[in-house]
Amino acid sequence: QVHVAESGGGPVQAGGSLRLSCAASGRTFTNYVVGWFRQAPGKEREFVGAISWNDGNTYYTDAVKGRFTFSRNIASNTVYLQMNNLEPEDTAVYSCAVKPRGSGRADYRSWGPGTQVTVSS
């Protein structure tokens, strides 16, 4: 029932920063976990990390830990992905999705269309 839309992508030099947004419509993110994924050309979709809407708990994969930060704004019903010290290997289409609290990775649903991040060296 919840729908998401990503925004904020674009071209950036290596070492630069971007902030991506994942905005919900239809209903709020309450009781959901919001996950971030990315897919580079010719590669499988990769899980980046997630944030629990209710308490703000976060999880990051080793590939992005220390460089990416999730946050949320309850009033605007939006999750943010702050991306710092970007590397060419971060180039991908970034998407967000939701799953119920307590469910597994396979339960992510309501995928957004994604936003392109291109990091040049």
Protein backbone atom coordinates (compact mmCIF):
# COMPACT_ATOMS: atom_id res chain seq x y z
CA GLN A 1 0.00 0.00 0.00
CA VAL A 2 2.90 2.35 0.69
CA HIS A 3 4.61 3.67 -2.43
CA VAL A 4 8.12 5.09 -2.56
CA ALA A 5 10.02 7.38 -4.90
CA GLU A 6 13.76 8.07 -4.87
CA SER A 7 15.42 11.33 -5.81
CA GLY A 8 18.71 13.19 -5.43
CA GLY A 9 20.98 11.22 -7.73
CA GLY A 10 23.29 12.70 -10.31
CA PRO A 11 26.91 12.98 -11.42
CA VAL A 12 29.60 13.60 -8.83
CA GLN A 13 33.39 13.54 -8.65
CA ALA A 14 35.17 10.92 -6.58
CA GLY A 15 35.40 12.09 -3.00
CA GLY A 16 32.22 14.13 -3.32
CA SER A 17 28.86 13.79 -1.63
CA LEU A 18 25.20 13.33 -2.49
CA ARG A 19 22.03 13.05 -0.45
CA LEU A 20 19.35 10.71 -1.74
CA SER A 21 15.73 10.82 -0.62
CA CYS A 22 13.16 8.06 -0.34
CA ALA A 23 9.72 9.58 0.05
CA ALA A 24 6.61 7.61 0.96
CA SER A 25 3.13 8.22 -0.35
CA GLY A 26 -0.19 6.56 0.33
CA ARG A 27 0.76 5.94 3.94
CA THR A 28 3.64 6.48 6.34
CA PHE A 29 6.66 4.29 7.01
CA THR A 30 5.37 3.45 10.49
CA ASN A 31 6.21 -0.14 11.50
CA TYR A 32 8.33 -0.67 8.39
CA VAL A 33 12.01 -1.13 7.75
CA VAL A 34 13.26 0.93 4.81
CA GLY A 35 16.01 -0.73 2.83
CA TRP A 36 18.42 0.74 0.30
CA PHE A 37 19.75 -1.22 -2.66
CA ARG A 38 21.94 -0.50 -5.64
CA GLN A 39 22.55 -2.13 -8.99
CA ALA A 40 25.52 -1.44 -11.23
CA PRO A 41 25.51 -2.31 -14.95
CA GLY A 42 25.93 -6.03 -15.50
CA LYS A 43 25.79 -6.83 -11.80
CA GLU A 44 23.28 -8.23 -9.36
CA ARG A 45 21.29 -5.92 -7.14
CA GLU A 46 23.21 -5.29 -3.93
CA PHE A 47 21.84 -4.61 -0.47
CA VAL A 48 23.32 -1.41 0.97
CA GLY A 49 21.65 -1.12 4.36
CA ALA A 50 18.43 -0.32 6.15
CA ILE A 51 16.80 1.90 8.74
CA SER A 52 13.94 1.02 11.06
CA TRP A 53 11.38 3.81 10.90
CA ASN A 54 10.03 3.52 14.42
CA ASP A 55 13.28 3.66 16.38
CA GLY A 56 15.85 4.82 13.82
CA ASN A 57 18.10 1.77 14.18
CA THR A 58 20.40 1.37 11.19
CA TYR A 59 22.45 -1.31 9.51
CA TYR A 60 25.20 -0.80 6.92
CA THR A 61 27.13 -3.24 4.81
CA ASP A 62 30.91 -3.18 4.99
CA ALA A 63 31.16 -1.66 1.53
CA VAL A 64 29.53 1.59 2.66
CA LYS A 65 30.04 1.63 6.43
CA GLY A 66 31.59 4.88 7.57
CA ARG A 67 30.68 6.69 4.33
CA PHE A 68 26.89 6.33 4.08
CA THR A 69 24.42 7.46 6.72
CA PHE A 70 20.66 6.90 6.93
CA SER A 71 18.27 9.30 8.60
CA ARG A 72 14.55 10.01 8.62
CA ASN A 73 12.19 12.95 8.85
CA ILE A 74 8.89 11.94 10.36
CA ALA A 75 6.99 15.08 9.37
CA SER A 76 7.89 14.72 5.70
CA ASN A 77 7.66 10.92 5.70
CA THR A 78 11.07 10.70 4.08
CA VAL A 79 14.21 8.61 4.55
CA TYR A 80 17.55 10.11 3.56
CA LEU A 81 20.77 8.47 2.45
CA GLN A 82 23.76 10.77 2.94
CA MET A 83 26.63 9.53 0.77
CA ASN A 84 30.12 10.89 1.52
CA ASN A 85 33.55 10.17 0.08
CA LEU A 86 32.00 8.59 -2.98
CA GLU A 87 34.05 6.21 -5.10
CA PRO A 88 33.65 5.12 -8.73
CA GLU A 89 32.61 1.71 -7.42
CA ASP A 90 29.53 3.38 -5.92
CA THR A 91 28.16 4.10 -9.39
CA ALA A 92 24.75 2.41 -9.63
CA VAL A 93 21.02 2.91 -9.69
CA TYR A 94 19.95 3.32 -6.06
CA SER A 95 16.51 2.12 -4.99
CA CYS A 96 14.57 1.92 -1.76
CA ALA A 97 11.96 -0.55 -0.61
CA VAL A 98 10.11 -1.50 2.56
CA LYS A 99 9.48 -4.61 4.59
CA PRO A 100 7.56 -5.28 7.81
CA ARG A 101 9.45 -5.25 11.06
CA GLY A 102 10.57 -8.75 12.00
CA SER A 103 10.45 -10.08 8.46
CA GLY A 104 13.34 -11.23 6.29
CA ARG A 105 15.30 -9.82 3.37
CA ALA A 106 13.04 -11.57 0.87
CA ASP A 107 10.04 -9.61 2.14
CA TYR A 108 11.07 -6.23 0.75
CA ARG A 109 8.33 -4.78 -1.43
CA SER A 110 7.00 -1.52 -2.90
CA TRP A 111 10.19 -0.84 -4.83
CA GLY A 112 10.80 2.64 -6.13
CA PRO A 113 11.97 3.36 -9.68
CA GLY A 114 15.48 4.26 -8.53
CA THR A 115 17.82 7.20 -9.02
CA GLN A 116 21.14 7.12 -10.89
CA VAL A 117 24.39 7.92 -9.10
CA THR A 118 27.45 8.30 -11.31
CA VAL A 119 30.85 8.82 -9.67
CA SER A 120 33.75 9.83 -11.91
CA SER A 121 37.41 9.48 -11.03
